[in-house]
Amino acid sequence: MFVDVQQATDRPKVVLYTGAFCGKCRFAREFLARQGVPFEEVPVYRPGVIEELLNRTGMMAAPTLKVGQDYVAGYDPMRFAAVLVKHGWIKDEPPLP
């Protein structure tokens, strides 16, 4: 699904927190790409990122998806889809990859 840049500005930013050598992070990147969702990738090893995740989610998991103020810790395609639908990034929950 293609997302128009103008439409993207009307929706909350999508951020994917990832770790080095993380297989599930690769799956998360591929999932977002297949859905046509533009996102910013933030490595968890950047200063302050681990603390932010711990404060917001109570855990440090890679990958973690952030859409607006909603966080999804760990790669779960159905939970990723639900938060993306909630914020208007995708229209329907996609089938499992």
PDB file of N, CA and C in Angstrom:
ATOM      1  N   MET A   1       0.843  -1.173   0.000  1.00  0.00           N
ATOM      2  CA  MET A   1       0.000   0.000   0.000  1.00  0.00           C
ATOM      3  C   MET A   1       0.888   1.236   0.000  1.00  0.00           C
ATOM      4  N   PHE A   2       0.662   2.137  -0.912  1.00  0.00           N
ATOM      5  CA  PHE A   2       1.455   3.353  -1.035  1.00  0.00           C
ATOM      6  C   PHE A   2       0.886   4.432  -0.125  1.00  0.00           C
ATOM      7  N   VAL A   3       1.753   5.126   0.591  1.00  0.00           N
ATOM      8  CA  VAL A   3       1.322   6.227   1.455  1.00  0.00           C
ATOM      9  C   VAL A   3       1.861   7.518   0.876  1.00  0.00           C
ATOM     10  N   ASP A   4       0.985   8.409   0.546  1.00  0.00           N
ATOM     11  CA  ASP A   4       1.334   9.715  -0.015  1.00  0.00           C
ATOM     12  C   ASP A   4       1.987  10.586   1.062  1.00  0.00           C
ATOM     13  N   VAL A   5       3.013  11.344   0.691  1.00  0.00           N
ATOM     14  CA  VAL A   5       3.761  12.172   1.645  1.00  0.00           C
ATOM     15  C   VAL A   5       2.849  13.175   2.339  1.00  0.00           C
ATOM     16  N   GLN A   6       1.920  13.778   1.624  1.00  0.00           N
ATOM     17  CA  GLN A   6       0.994  14.736   2.241  1.00  0.00           C
ATOM     18  C   GLN A   6       0.145  14.041   3.294  1.00  0.00           C
ATOM     19  N   GLN A   7      -0.355  12.847   2.975  1.00  0.00           N
ATOM     20  CA  GLN A   7      -1.142  12.097   3.948  1.00  0.00           C
ATOM     21  C   GLN A   7      -0.298  11.762   5.173  1.00  0.00           C
ATOM     22  N   ALA A   8       0.970  11.474   4.951  1.00  0.00           N
ATOM     23  CA  ALA A   8       1.855  11.095   6.056  1.00  0.00           C
ATOM     24  C   ALA A   8       1.979  12.204   7.082  1.00  0.00           C
ATOM     25  N   THR A   9       1.894  13.456   6.654  1.00  0.00           N
ATOM     26  CA  THR A   9       2.038  14.565   7.597  1.00  0.00           C
ATOM     27  C   THR A   9       0.818  14.713   8.491  1.00  0.00           C
ATOM     28  N   ASP A  10      -0.315  14.106   8.106  1.00  0.00           N
ATOM     29  CA  ASP A  10      -1.535  14.174   8.900  1.00  0.00           C
ATOM     30  C   ASP A  10      -1.584  13.082   9.960  1.00  0.00           C
ATOM     31  N   ARG A  11      -0.620  12.209   9.976  1.00  0.00           N
ATOM     32  CA  ARG A  11      -0.610  11.067  10.893  1.00  0.00           C
ATOM     33  C   ARG A  11       0.574  11.179  11.844  1.00  0.00           C
ATOM     34  N   PRO A  12       0.470  10.511  12.997  1.00  0.00           N
ATOM     35  CA  PRO A  12       1.613  10.562  13.914  1.00  0.00           C
ATOM     36  C   PRO A  12       2.829   9.842  13.334  1.00  0.00           C
ATOM     37  N   LYS A  13       3.981  10.305  13.746  1.00  0.00           N
ATOM     38  CA  LYS A  13       5.255   9.738  13.296  1.00  0.00           C
ATOM     39  C   LYS A  13       5.374   8.279  13.749  1.00  0.00           C
ATOM     40  N   VAL A  14       5.980   7.480  12.889  1.00  0.00           N
ATOM     41  CA  VAL A  14       6.231   6.070  13.187  1.00  0.00           C
ATOM     42  C   VAL A  14       7.732   5.907  13.413  1.00  0.00           C
ATOM     43  N   VAL A  15       8.084   5.341  14.567  1.00  0.00           N
ATOM     44  CA  VAL A  15       9.488   5.113  14.924  1.00  0.00           C
ATOM     45  C   VAL A  15       9.656   3.639  15.248  1.00  0.00           C
ATOM     46  N   LEU A  16      10.718   3.036  14.722  1.00  0.00           N
ATOM     47  CA  LEU A  16      11.050   1.652  15.023  1.00  0.00           C
ATOM     48  C   LEU A  16      12.393   1.627  15.734  1.00  0.00           C
ATOM     49  N   TYR A  17      12.377   1.193  16.992  1.00  0.00           N
ATOM     50  CA  TYR A  17      13.602   1.055  17.776  1.00  0.00           C
ATOM     51  C   TYR A  17      14.152  -0.337  17.518  1.00  0.00           C
ATOM     52  N   THR A  18      15.417  -0.409  17.127  1.00  0.00           N
ATOM     53  CA  THR A  18      16.011  -1.682  16.730  1.00  0.00           C
ATOM     54  C   THR A  18      17.350  -1.924  17.420  1.00  0.00           C
ATOM     55  N   GLY A  19      17.744  -3.183  17.423  1.00  0.00           N
ATOM     56  CA  GLY A  19      19.038  -3.571  17.970  1.00  0.00           C
ATOM     57  C   GLY A  19      19.906  -4.154  16.871  1.00  0.00           C
ATOM     58  N   ALA A  20      21.202  -4.145  17.101  1.00  0.00           N
ATOM     59  CA  ALA A  20      22.144  -4.721  16.144  1.00  0.00           C
ATOM     60  C   ALA A  20      21.982  -6.242  16.120  1.00  0.00           C
ATOM     61  N   PHE A  21      22.078  -6.821  14.938  1.00  0.00           N
ATOM     62  CA  PHE A  21      22.008  -8.274  14.757  1.00  0.00           C
ATOM     63  C   PHE A  21      20.706  -8.860  15.298  1.00  0.00           C
ATOM     64  N   CYS A  22      19.617  -8.135  15.130  1.00  0.00           N
ATOM     65  CA  CYS A  22      18.306  -8.525  15.652  1.00  0.00           C
ATOM     66  C   CYS A  22      17.443  -9.036  14.506  1.00  0.00           C
ATOM     67  N   GLY A  23      17.201 -10.339  14.486  1.00  0.00           N
ATOM     68  CA  GLY A  23      16.392 -10.936  13.426  1.00  0.00           C
ATOM     69  C   GLY A  23      14.961 -10.432  13.416  1.00  0.00           C
ATOM     70  N   LYS A  24      14.365 -10.288  14.583  1.00  0.00           N
ATOM     71  CA  LYS A  24      12.983  -9.803  14.646  1.00  0.00           C
ATOM     72  C   LYS A  24      12.896  -8.346  14.220  1.00  0.00           C
ATOM     73  N   CYS A  25      13.986  -7.593  14.398  1.00  0.00           N
ATOM     74  CA  CYS A  25      14.021  -6.201  13.923  1.00  0.00           C
ATOM     75  C   CYS A  25      13.940  -6.181  12.404  1.00  0.00           C
ATOM     76  N   ARG A  26      14.610  -7.116  11.762  1.00  0.00           N
ATOM     77  CA  ARG A  26      14.553  -7.224  10.295  1.00  0.00           C
ATOM     78  C   ARG A  26      13.123  -7.532   9.855  1.00  0.00           C
ATOM     79  N   PHE A  27      12.459  -8.458  10.557  1.00  0.00           N
ATOM     80  CA  PHE A  27      11.066  -8.784  10.229  1.00  0.00           C
ATOM     81  C   PHE A  27      10.173  -7.549  10.386  1.00  0.00           C
ATOM     82  N   ALA A  28      10.416  -6.765  11.447  1.00  0.00           N
ATOM     83  CA  ALA A  28       9.621  -5.559  11.690  1.00  0.00           C
ATOM     84  C   ALA A  28       9.826  -4.539  10.574  1.00  0.00           C
ATOM     85  N   ARG A  29      11.076  -4.340  10.152  1.00  0.00           N
ATOM     86  CA  ARG A  29      11.375  -3.419   9.046  1.00  0.00           C
ATOM     87  C   ARG A  29      10.650  -3.862   7.778  1.00  0.00           C
ATOM     88  N   GLU A  30      10.738  -5.160   7.488  1.00  0.00           N
ATOM     89  CA  GLU A  30      10.102  -5.702   6.290  1.00  0.00           C
ATOM     90  C   GLU A  30       8.585  -5.546   6.359  1.00  0.00           C
ATOM     91  N   PHE A  31       8.012  -5.764   7.525  1.00  0.00           N
ATOM     92  CA  PHE A  31       6.567  -5.615   7.706  1.00  0.00           C
ATOM     93  C   PHE A  31       6.137  -4.187   7.375  1.00  0.00           C
ATOM     94  N   LEU A  32       6.831  -3.203   7.969  1.00  0.00           N
ATOM     95  CA  LEU A  32       6.480  -1.801   7.717  1.00  0.00           C
ATOM     96  C   LEU A  32       6.664  -1.446   6.247  1.00  0.00           C
ATOM     97  N   ALA A  33       7.720  -1.941   5.631  1.00  0.00           N
ATOM     98  CA  ALA A  33       7.967  -1.671   4.211  1.00  0.00           C
ATOM     99  C   ALA A  33       6.856  -2.274   3.351  1.00  0.00           C
ATOM    100  N   ARG A  34       6.448  -3.508   3.663  1.00  0.00           N
ATOM    101  CA  ARG A  34       5.361  -4.146   2.893  1.00  0.00           C
ATOM    102  C   ARG A  34       4.059  -3.366   3.016  1.00  0.00           C
ATOM    103  N   GLN A  35       3.851  -2.744   4.175  1.00  0.00           N
ATOM    104  CA  GLN A  35       2.620  -1.973   4.384  1.00  0.00           C
ATOM    105  C   GLN A  35       2.719  -0.570   3.791  1.00  0.00           C
ATOM    106  N   GLY A  36       3.921  -0.186   3.349  1.00  0.00           N
ATOM    107  CA  GLY A  36       4.110   1.140   2.771  1.00  0.00           C
ATOM    108  C   GLY A  36       4.124   2.247   3.815  1.00  0.00           C
ATOM    109  N   VAL A  37       4.516   1.910   5.023  1.00  0.00           N
ATOM    110  CA  VAL A  37       4.519   2.885   6.125  1.00  0.00           C
ATOM    111  C   VAL A  37       5.920   3.474   6.268  1.00  0.00           C
ATOM    112  N   PRO A  38       6.060   4.777   6.068  1.00  0.00           N
ATOM    113  CA  PRO A  38       7.376   5.394   6.284  1.00  0.00           C
ATOM    114  C   PRO A  38       7.678   5.448   7.775  1.00  0.00           C
ATOM    115  N   PHE A  39       8.929   5.180   8.131  1.00  0.00           N
ATOM    116  CA  PHE A  39       9.288   5.167   9.549  1.00  0.00           C
ATOM    117  C   PHE A  39      10.725   5.617   9.736  1.00  0.00           C
ATOM    118  N   GLU A  40      10.984   6.069  10.947  1.00  0.00           N
ATOM    119  CA  GLU A  40      12.347   6.407  11.348  1.00  0.00           C
ATOM    120  C   GLU A  40      12.876   5.246  12.168  1.00  0.00           C
ATOM    121  N   GLU A  41      14.073   4.800  11.856  1.00  0.00           N
ATOM    122  CA  GLU A  41      14.684   3.718  12.620  1.00  0.00           C
ATOM    123  C   GLU A  41      15.667   4.318  13.616  1.00  0.00           C
ATOM    124  N   VAL A  42      15.530   3.924  14.885  1.00  0.00           N
ATOM    125  CA  VAL A  42      16.395   4.435  15.949  1.00  0.00           C
ATOM    126  C   VAL A  42      17.061   3.247  16.636  1.00  0.00           C
ATOM    127  N   PRO A  43      18.393   3.173  16.582  1.00  0.00           N
ATOM    128  CA  PRO A  43      19.099   2.089  17.276  1.00  0.00           C
ATOM    129  C   PRO A  43      18.977   2.255  18.793  1.00  0.00           C
ATOM    130  N   VAL A  44      18.736   1.151  19.488  1.00  0.00           N
ATOM    131  CA  VAL A  44      18.564   1.226  20.949  1.00  0.00           C
ATOM    132  C   VAL A  44      19.860   1.604  21.661  1.00  0.00           C
ATOM    133  N   TYR A  45      20.983   1.487  20.977  1.00  0.00           N
ATOM    134  CA  TYR A  45      22.249   1.820  21.633  1.00  0.00           C
ATOM    135  C   TYR A  45      22.544   3.321  21.634  1.00  0.00           C
ATOM    136  N   ARG A  46      21.706   4.135  21.008  1.00  0.00           N
ATOM    137  CA  ARG A  46      21.896   5.587  21.084  1.00  0.00           C
ATOM    138  C   ARG A  46      21.675   6.056  22.517  1.00  0.00           C
ATOM    139  N   PRO A  47      22.428   7.067  22.944  1.00  0.00           N
ATOM    140  CA  PRO A  47      22.264   7.566  24.315  1.00  0.00           C
ATOM    141  C   PRO A  47      20.818   7.981  24.603  1.00  0.00           C
ATOM    142  N   GLY A  48      20.309   7.520  25.731  1.00  0.00           N
ATOM    143  CA  GLY A  48      18.982   7.898  26.193  1.00  0.00           C
ATOM    144  C   GLY A  48      17.845   7.038  25.686  1.00  0.00           C
ATOM    145  N   VAL A  49      18.080   6.215  24.668  1.00  0.00           N
ATOM    146  CA  VAL A  49      16.993   5.436  24.070  1.00  0.00           C
ATOM    147  C   VAL A  49      16.513   4.343  25.019  1.00  0.00           C
ATOM    148  N   ILE A  50      17.433   3.613  25.620  1.00  0.00           N
ATOM    149  CA  ILE A  50      17.038   2.540  26.542  1.00  0.00           C
ATOM    150  C   ILE A  50      16.224   3.118  27.700  1.00  0.00           C
ATOM    151  N   GLU A  51      16.664   4.249  28.226  1.00  0.00           N
ATOM    152  CA  GLU A  51      15.947   4.884  29.330  1.00  0.00           C
ATOM    153  C   GLU A  51      14.543   5.299  28.896  1.00  0.00           C
ATOM    154  N   GLU A  52      14.423   5.841  27.681  1.00  0.00           N
ATOM    155  CA  GLU A  52      13.107   6.232  27.169  1.00  0.00           C
ATOM    156  C   GLU A  52      12.178   5.027  27.083  1.00  0.00           C
ATOM    157  N   LEU A  53      12.681   3.917  26.526  1.00  0.00           N
ATOM    158  CA  LEU A  53      11.853   2.720  26.398  1.00  0.00           C
ATOM    159  C   LEU A  53      11.453   2.167  27.760  1.00  0.00           C
ATOM    160  N   LEU A  54      12.390   2.154  28.686  1.00  0.00           N
ATOM    161  CA  LEU A  54      12.063   1.668  30.033  1.00  0.00           C
ATOM    162  C   LEU A  54      11.008   2.546  30.698  1.00  0.00           C
ATOM    163  N   ASN A  55      11.135   3.859  30.542  1.00  0.00           N
ATOM    164  CA  ASN A  55      10.158   4.778  31.135  1.00  0.00           C
ATOM    165  C   ASN A  55       8.787   4.653  30.486  1.00  0.00           C
ATOM    166  N   ARG A  56       8.737   4.459  29.179  1.00  0.00           N
ATOM    167  CA  ARG A  56       7.458   4.427  28.447  1.00  0.00           C
ATOM    168  C   ARG A  56       6.768   3.074  28.479  1.00  0.00           C
ATOM    169  N   THR A  57       7.562   1.990  28.411  1.00  0.00           N
ATOM    170  CA  THR A  57       6.959   0.660  28.290  1.00  0.00           C
ATOM    171  C   THR A  57       7.226  -0.244  29.486  1.00  0.00           C
ATOM    172  N   GLY A  58       8.184   0.142  30.337  1.00  0.00           N
ATOM    173  CA  GLY A  58       8.542  -0.710  31.470  1.00  0.00           C
ATOM    174  C   GLY A  58       9.475  -1.840  31.081  1.00  0.00           C
ATOM    175  N   MET A  59       9.901  -1.871  29.831  1.00  0.00           N
ATOM    176  CA  MET A  59      10.822  -2.914  29.385  1.00  0.00           C
ATOM    177  C   MET A  59      11.693  -2.397  28.250  1.00  0.00           C
ATOM    178  N   MET A  60      12.751  -3.124  27.985  1.00  0.00           N
ATOM    179  CA  MET A  60      13.623  -2.802  26.863  1.00  0.00           C
ATOM    180  C   MET A  60      13.519  -3.973  25.906  1.00  0.00           C
ATOM    181  N   ALA A  61      12.826  -3.756  24.808  1.00  0.00           N
ATOM    182  CA  ALA A  61      12.673  -4.820  23.821  1.00  0.00           C
ATOM    183  C   ALA A  61      13.002  -4.259  22.443  1.00  0.00           C
ATOM    184  N   ALA A  62      13.680  -5.065  21.664  1.00  0.00           N
ATOM    185  CA  ALA A  62      13.943  -4.691  20.279  1.00  0.00           C
ATOM    186  C   ALA A  62      13.380  -5.814  19.419  1.00  0.00           C
ATOM    187  N   PRO A  63      12.544  -5.458  18.477  1.00  0.00           N
ATOM    188  CA  PRO A  63      12.134  -4.110  18.110  1.00  0.00           C
ATOM    189  C   PRO A  63      11.011  -3.591  19.002  1.00  0.00           C
ATOM    190  N   THR A  64      10.890  -2.280  19.040  1.00  0.00           N
ATOM    191  CA  THR A  64       9.735  -1.621  19.649  1.00  0.00           C
ATOM    192  C   THR A  64       9.221  -0.612  18.631  1.00  0.00           C
ATOM    193  N   LEU A  65       7.926  -0.664  18.389  1.00  0.00           N
ATOM    194  CA  LEU A  65       7.278   0.254  17.458  1.00  0.00           C
ATOM    195  C   LEU A  65       6.606   1.358  18.251  1.00  0.00           C
ATOM    196  N   LYS A  66       6.819   2.603  17.829  1.00  0.00           N
ATOM    197  CA  LYS A  66       6.152   3.747  18.444  1.00  0.00           C
ATOM    198  C   LYS A  66       5.360   4.467  17.352  1.00  0.00           C
ATOM    199  N   VAL A  67       4.078   4.645  17.597  1.00  0.00           N
ATOM    200  CA  VAL A  67       3.224   5.410  16.688  1.00  0.00           C
ATOM    201  C   VAL A  67       2.500   6.431  17.563  1.00  0.00           C
ATOM    202  N   GLY A  68       2.835   7.698  17.366  1.00  0.00           N
ATOM    203  CA  GLY A  68       2.296   8.717  18.265  1.00  0.00           C
ATOM    204  C   GLY A  68       2.798   8.440  19.667  1.00  0.00           C
ATOM    205  N   GLN A  69       1.881   8.255  20.607  1.00  0.00           N
ATOM    206  CA  GLN A  69       2.257   7.934  21.989  1.00  0.00           C
ATOM    207  C   GLN A  69       2.046   6.462  22.319  1.00  0.00           C
ATOM    208  N   ASP A  70       1.716   5.643  21.321  1.00  0.00           N
ATOM    209  CA  ASP A  70       1.500   4.212  21.528  1.00  0.00           C
ATOM    210  C   ASP A  70       2.771   3.428  21.217  1.00  0.00           C
ATOM    211  N   TYR A  71       3.095   2.499  22.098  1.00  0.00           N
ATOM    212  CA  TYR A  71       4.280   1.651  21.938  1.00  0.00           C
ATOM    213  C   TYR A  71       3.858   0.191  21.851  1.00  0.00           C
ATOM    214  N   VAL A  72       4.538  -0.564  20.982  1.00  0.00           N
ATOM    215  CA  VAL A  72       4.378  -2.012  20.903  1.00  0.00           C
ATOM    216  C   VAL A  72       5.775  -2.603  21.068  1.00  0.00           C
ATOM    217  N   ALA A  73       5.997  -3.276  22.192  1.00  0.00           N
ATOM    218  CA  ALA A  73       7.306  -3.874  22.480  1.00  0.00           C
ATOM    219  C   ALA A  73       7.343  -5.292  21.927  1.00  0.00           C
ATOM    220  N   GLY A  74       8.386  -5.585  21.164  1.00  0.00           N
ATOM    221  CA  GLY A  74       8.539  -6.894  20.552  1.00  0.00           C
ATOM    222  C   GLY A  74       7.832  -6.932  19.204  1.00  0.00           C
ATOM    223  N   TYR A  75       8.244  -7.854  18.337  1.00  0.00           N
ATOM    224  CA  TYR A  75       7.635  -7.943  17.010  1.00  0.00           C
ATOM    225  C   TYR A  75       6.422  -8.854  17.055  1.00  0.00           C
ATOM    226  N   ASP A  76       5.272  -8.262  16.842  1.00  0.00           N
ATOM    227  CA  ASP A  76       4.011  -8.984  16.780  1.00  0.00           C
ATOM    228  C   ASP A  76       3.211  -8.342  15.642  1.00  0.00           C
ATOM    229  N   PRO A  77       3.135  -9.004  14.484  1.00  0.00           N
ATOM    230  CA  PRO A  77       2.488  -8.396  13.324  1.00  0.00           C
ATOM    231  C   PRO A  77       1.054  -7.936  13.593  1.00  0.00           C
ATOM    232  N   MET A  78       0.304  -8.684  14.363  1.00  0.00           N
ATOM    233  CA  MET A  78      -1.086  -8.307  14.628  1.00  0.00           C
ATOM    234  C   MET A  78      -1.156  -7.057  15.508  1.00  0.00           C
ATOM    235  N   ARG A  79      -0.286  -6.953  16.504  1.00  0.00           N
ATOM    236  CA  ARG A  79      -0.278  -5.756  17.353  1.00  0.00           C
ATOM    237  C   ARG A  79       0.262  -4.556  16.585  1.00  0.00           C
ATOM    238  N   PHE A  80       1.267  -4.774  15.733  1.00  0.00           N
ATOM    239  CA  PHE A  80       1.763  -3.697  14.877  1.00  0.00           C
ATOM    240  C   PHE A  80       0.612  -3.189  13.999  1.00  0.00           C
ATOM    241  N   ALA A  81      -0.098  -4.125  13.369  1.00  0.00           N
ATOM    242  CA  ALA A  81      -1.199  -3.748  12.481  1.00  0.00           C
ATOM    243  C   ALA A  81      -2.276  -2.980  13.237  1.00  0.00           C
ATOM    244  N   ALA A  82      -2.616  -3.429  14.429  1.00  0.00           N
ATOM    245  CA  ALA A  82      -3.676  -2.777  15.206  1.00  0.00           C
ATOM    246  C   ALA A  82      -3.332  -1.318  15.498  1.00  0.00           C
ATOM    247  N   VAL A  83      -2.092  -1.041  15.896  1.00  0.00           N
ATOM    248  CA  VAL A  83      -1.711   0.342  16.202  1.00  0.00           C
ATOM    249  C   VAL A  83      -1.619   1.178  14.922  1.00  0.00           C
ATOM    250  N   LEU A  84      -1.206   0.575  13.826  1.00  0.00           N
ATOM    251  CA  LEU A  84      -1.150   1.300  12.552  1.00  0.00           C
ATOM    252  C   LEU A  84      -2.556   1.617  12.031  1.00  0.00           C
ATOM    253  N   VAL A  85      -3.498   0.694  12.217  1.00  0.00           N
ATOM    254  CA  VAL A  85      -4.894   0.945  11.844  1.00  0.00           C
ATOM    255  C   VAL A  85      -5.454   2.063  12.716  1.00  0.00           C
ATOM    256  N   LYS A  86      -5.205   1.994  14.017  1.00  0.00           N
ATOM    257  CA  LYS A  86      -5.703   3.004  14.964  1.00  0.00           C
ATOM    258  C   LYS A  86      -5.309   4.415  14.539  1.00  0.00           C
ATOM    259  N   HIS A  87      -4.090   4.567  14.031  1.00  0.00           N
ATOM    260  CA  HIS A  87      -3.571   5.884  13.668  1.00  0.00           C
ATOM    261  C   HIS A  87      -3.715   6.201  12.173  1.00  0.00           C
ATOM    262  N   GLY A  88      -4.424   5.352  11.442  1.00  0.00           N
ATOM    263  CA  GLY A  88      -4.731   5.649  10.055  1.00  0.00           C
ATOM    264  C   GLY A  88      -3.632   5.363   9.047  1.00  0.00           C
ATOM    265  N   TRP A  89      -2.607   4.614   9.445  1.00  0.00           N
ATOM    266  CA  TRP A  89      -1.528   4.305   8.501  1.00  0.00           C
ATOM    267  C   TRP A  89      -1.918   3.205   7.528  1.00  0.00           C
ATOM    268  N   ILE A  90      -2.719   2.253   7.990  1.00  0.00           N
ATOM    269  CA  ILE A  90      -3.225   1.204   7.096  1.00  0.00           C
ATOM    270  C   ILE A  90      -4.721   1.099   7.325  1.00  0.00           C
ATOM    271  N   LYS A  91      -5.433   0.587   6.312  1.00  0.00           N
ATOM    272  CA  LYS A  91      -6.883   0.547   6.396  1.00  0.00           C
ATOM    273  C   LYS A  91      -7.390  -0.703   7.102  1.00  0.00           C
ATOM    274  N   ASP A  92      -6.813  -1.828   6.839  1.00  0.00           N
ATOM    275  CA  ASP A  92      -7.263  -3.086   7.415  1.00  0.00           C
ATOM    276  C   ASP A  92      -6.084  -3.806   8.029  1.00  0.00           C
ATOM    277  N   GLU A  93      -6.378  -4.636   9.011  1.00  0.00           N
ATOM    278  CA  GLU A  93      -5.307  -5.449   9.577  1.00  0.00           C
ATOM    279  C   GLU A  93      -4.890  -6.471   8.532  1.00  0.00           C
ATOM    280  N   PRO A  94      -3.605  -6.462   8.173  1.00  0.00           N
ATOM    281  CA  PRO A  94      -3.139  -7.399   7.150  1.00  0.00           C
ATOM    282  C   PRO A  94      -3.032  -8.812   7.721  1.00  0.00           C
ATOM    283  N   PRO A  95      -3.027  -9.809   6.847  1.00  0.00           N
ATOM    284  CA  PRO A  95      -2.811 -11.182   7.323  1.00  0.00           C
ATOM    285  C   PRO A  95      -1.388 -11.331   7.845  1.00  0.00           C
ATOM    286  N   LEU A  96      -1.183 -12.349   8.632  1.00  0.00           N
ATOM    287  CA  LEU A  96       0.171 -12.626   9.135  1.00  0.00           C
ATOM    288  C   LEU A  96       1.110 -12.844   7.967  1.00  0.00           C
ATOM    289  N   PRO A  97       2.353 -12.368   8.094  1.00  0.00           N
ATOM    290  CA  PRO A  97       3.322 -12.549   6.999  1.00  0.00           C
ATOM    291  C   PRO A  97       3.710 -14.001   6.816  1.00  0.00           C
TER     292      PRO A  97
END
